[in-house]
C-alpha atoms as a PDB file:
ATOM      1  CA  MET A   1     -16.794  -8.573 -13.916  1.00  0.00           C
ATOM      2  CA  THR A   2     -13.826  -6.774 -15.513  1.00  0.00           C
ATOM      3  CA  THR A   3     -11.181  -4.860 -13.646  1.00  0.00           C
ATOM      4  CA  ASN A   4      -9.508  -1.661 -14.633  1.00  0.00           C
ATOM      5  CA  PRO A   5      -5.753  -2.322 -15.243  1.00  0.00           C
ATOM      6  CA  ALA A   6      -4.853   0.990 -13.578  1.00  0.00           C
ATOM      7  CA  GLU A   7      -6.661  -0.086 -10.408  1.00  0.00           C
ATOM      8  CA  LYS A   8      -4.899  -3.431 -10.501  1.00  0.00           C
ATOM      9  CA  ASP A   9      -1.451  -1.771 -10.701  1.00  0.00           C
ATOM     10  CA  SER A  10      -2.205   0.695  -7.900  1.00  0.00           C
ATOM     11  CA  ASN A  11      -3.215  -2.186  -5.630  1.00  0.00           C
ATOM     12  CA  LYS A  12       0.245  -3.772  -6.091  1.00  0.00           C
ATOM     13  CA  ARG A  13       2.055  -0.791  -4.595  1.00  0.00           C
ATOM     14  CA  LYS A  14       3.016  -0.917  -0.957  1.00  0.00           C
ATOM     15  CA  TYR A  15       2.985   2.903  -0.763  1.00  0.00           C
ATOM     16  CA  PRO A  16       0.361   4.849  -2.784  1.00  0.00           C
ATOM     17  CA  ARG A  17       1.807   7.488  -5.108  1.00  0.00           C
ATOM     18  CA  LYS A  18       0.680  11.107  -5.180  1.00  0.00           C
ATOM     19  CA  PRO A  19       1.027  13.318  -8.272  1.00  0.00           C
ATOM     20  CA  ILE A  20       3.384  15.932  -6.822  1.00  0.00           C
ATOM     21  CA  ARG A  21       5.708  18.135  -8.848  1.00  0.00           C
ATOM     22  CA  ALA A  22       8.842  19.240  -7.018  1.00  0.00           C
ATOM     23  CA  ASN A  23      12.269  20.267  -8.271  1.00  0.00           C
ATOM     24  CA  VAL A  24      15.102  17.805  -7.696  1.00  0.00           C
ATOM     25  CA  ASN A  25      18.889  17.802  -7.822  1.00  0.00           C
ATOM     26  CA  TYR A  26      20.671  14.478  -8.032  1.00  0.00           C
ATOM     27  CA  TYR A  27      24.235  13.209  -7.737  1.00  0.00           C
ATOM     28  CA  TYR A  28      25.746   9.873  -8.713  1.00  0.00           C
ATOM     29  CA  ASN A  29      29.154   8.331  -9.245  1.00  0.00           C
ATOM     30  CA  ASN A  30      30.118   7.557 -12.832  1.00  0.00           C
ATOM     31  CA  PRO A  31      32.761   4.813 -12.679  1.00  0.00           C
ATOM     32  CA  ARG A  32      33.626   5.190 -16.387  1.00  0.00           C
ATOM     33  CA  LEU A  33      34.590   8.832 -15.927  1.00  0.00           C
ATOM     34  CA  ASN A  34      35.744   8.331 -12.335  1.00  0.00           C
ATOM     35  CA  ARG A  35      33.812  11.368 -11.105  1.00  0.00           C
ATOM     36  CA  THR A  36      30.570  12.501  -9.507  1.00  0.00           C
ATOM     37  CA  MET A  37      27.890  13.585 -11.979  1.00  0.00           C
ATOM     38  CA  THR A  38      25.045  15.983 -11.214  1.00  0.00           C
ATOM     39  CA  GLY A  39      21.710  16.794 -12.768  1.00  0.00           C
ATOM     40  CA  THR A  40      18.347  18.419 -12.217  1.00  0.00           C
ATOM     41  CA  GLY A  41      14.762  17.512 -12.944  1.00  0.00           C
ATOM     42  CA  TYR A  42      11.394  17.261 -11.258  1.00  0.00           C
ATOM     43  CA  THR A  43       9.133  14.690  -9.681  1.00  0.00           C
ATOM     44  CA  LEU A  44       6.087  13.361 -11.490  1.00  0.00           C
ATOM     45  CA  ASN A  45       4.842  11.510  -8.430  1.00  0.00           C
ATOM     46  CA  LEU A  46       5.987  10.650  -4.914  1.00  0.00           C
ATOM     47  CA  SER A  47       5.300   8.093  -2.234  1.00  0.00           C
ATOM     48  CA  SER A  48       6.977   7.287   1.038  1.00  0.00           C
ATOM     49  CA  GLY A  49       8.774   4.425  -0.724  1.00  0.00           C
ATOM     50  CA  GLY A  50       9.917   6.067  -3.952  1.00  0.00           C
ATOM     51  CA  ALA A  51       9.408   8.547  -6.750  1.00  0.00           C
ATOM     52  CA  LEU A  52       9.092   8.940 -10.486  1.00  0.00           C
ATOM     53  CA  ILE A  53      11.316  11.758 -11.721  1.00  0.00           C
ATOM     54  CA  ARG A  54      11.870  13.316 -15.148  1.00  0.00           C
ATOM     55  CA  VAL A  55      15.476  14.157 -16.020  1.00  0.00           C
ATOM     56  CA  GLU A  56      17.670  14.784 -19.076  1.00  0.00           C
ATOM     57  CA  THR A  57      20.161  11.964 -18.459  1.00  0.00           C
ATOM     58  CA  TYR A  58      19.859   8.197 -18.735  1.00  0.00           C
ATOM     59  CA  LEU A  59      20.552   6.519 -15.389  1.00  0.00           C
ATOM     60  CA  SER A  60      21.528   2.855 -15.233  1.00  0.00           C
ATOM     61  CA  ILE A  61      19.099   0.439 -13.619  1.00  0.00           C
ATOM     62  CA  LEU A  62      20.151  -0.607 -10.095  1.00  0.00           C
ATOM     63  CA  SER A  63      22.528   2.347  -9.787  1.00  0.00           C
ATOM     64  CA  GLU A  64      22.221   4.455  -6.653  1.00  0.00           C
ATOM     65  CA  ILE A  65      21.834   8.227  -6.569  1.00  0.00           C
ATOM     66  CA  ASP A  66      21.653  10.949  -3.949  1.00  0.00           C
ATOM     67  CA  LEU A  67      18.528  13.022  -4.512  1.00  0.00           C
ATOM     68  CA  ASN A  68      17.521  16.390  -3.016  1.00  0.00           C
ATOM     69  CA  ILE A  69      13.803  17.151  -3.310  1.00  0.00           C
ATOM     70  CA  GLN A  70      12.733  20.790  -2.835  1.00  0.00           C
ATOM     71  CA  THR A  71       9.390  20.899  -1.007  1.00  0.00           C
ATOM     72  CA  SER A  72       6.754  23.584  -1.563  1.00  0.00           C
ATOM     73  CA  ASP A  73       7.560  25.142   1.841  1.00  0.00           C
ATOM     74  CA  GLY A  74      11.248  25.572   0.926  1.00  0.00           C
ATOM     75  CA  ARG A  75      12.628  22.605   2.814  1.00  0.00           C
ATOM     76  CA  VAL A  76      14.879  19.993   1.264  1.00  0.00           C
ATOM     77  CA  VAL A  77      14.358  16.257   1.587  1.00  0.00           C
ATOM     78  CA  LYS A  78      17.626  14.374   1.070  1.00  0.00           C
ATOM     79  CA  THR A  79      17.353  10.782  -0.071  1.00  0.00           C
ATOM     80  CA  ARG A  80      19.493   7.935  -1.276  1.00  0.00           C
ATOM     81  CA  ALA A  81      17.632   5.968  -3.940  1.00  0.00           C
ATOM     82  CA  LYS A  82      18.042   3.005  -6.264  1.00  0.00           C
ATOM     83  CA  VAL A  83      17.065   3.270  -9.944  1.00  0.00           C
ATOM     84  CA  ILE A  84      14.351   0.681 -10.614  1.00  0.00           C
ATOM     85  CA  HIS A  85      13.575   1.638 -14.206  1.00  0.00           C
ATOM     86  CA  CYS A  86      14.561   4.225 -16.807  1.00  0.00           C
ATOM     87  CA  LYS A  87      12.337   4.976 -19.793  1.00  0.00           C
ATOM     88  CA  ARG A  88      13.097   7.406 -22.596  1.00  0.00           C
ATOM     89  CA  VAL A  89      10.009   9.574 -23.171  1.00  0.00           C
ATOM     90  CA  ALA A  90      11.432  12.193 -25.587  1.00  0.00           C
ATOM     91  CA  PHE A  91      14.740  13.498 -26.884  1.00  0.00           C
ATOM     92  CA  ASN A  92      16.938  13.972 -23.794  1.00  0.00           C
ATOM     93  CA  ARG A  93      13.997  13.205 -21.467  1.00  0.00           C
ATOM     94  CA  TYR A  94      13.828  10.144 -19.234  1.00  0.00           C
ATOM     95  CA  ASP A  95      11.345   8.994 -16.612  1.00  0.00           C
ATOM     96  CA  ILE A  96      13.271   7.361 -13.773  1.00  0.00           C
ATOM     97  CA  GLY A  97      11.547   5.132 -11.232  1.00  0.00           C
ATOM     98  CA  LEU A  98      13.299   5.291  -7.866  1.00  0.00           C
ATOM     99  CA  GLN A  99      13.079   3.259  -4.678  1.00  0.00           C
ATOM    100  CA  PHE A 100      14.158   5.189  -1.593  1.00  0.00           C
ATOM    101  CA  ILE A 101      16.914   3.643   0.498  1.00  0.00           C
ATOM    102  CA  THR A 102      17.186   6.439   3.095  1.00  0.00           C
ATOM    103  CA  VAL A 103      15.260   9.693   3.632  1.00  0.00           C
ATOM    104  CA  LYS A 104      16.298  12.727   5.714  1.00  0.00           C
ATOM    105  CA  LYS A 105      14.320  15.953   5.948  1.00  0.00           C
ATOM    106  CA  GLN A 106      16.276  19.161   6.488  1.00  0.00           C
ATOM    107  CA  MET A 107      14.888  22.262   8.122  1.00  0.00           C
END
């Protein structure tokens, strides 16, 4: 009996991911420039434990960012997240895997 590698990977996740596209704004401290940097992008998928986002800026692995996720009903979910991986997918396009540290939903 063979197993599908995609099924195997999905079974490893503590929180199942859903393919949800939502706009995001993010903020992080850049110690080299000694200032707060900002950017925008969108989610490729979400779970209660993290997200995969597509952005235009490389983010260092293990760095922490503040992320605002715009929900379809107009609310904003504010999170603090740690960068788990960063993969370049095209010119000025990166897929960033995030693990949520804190999550707060705003009305």
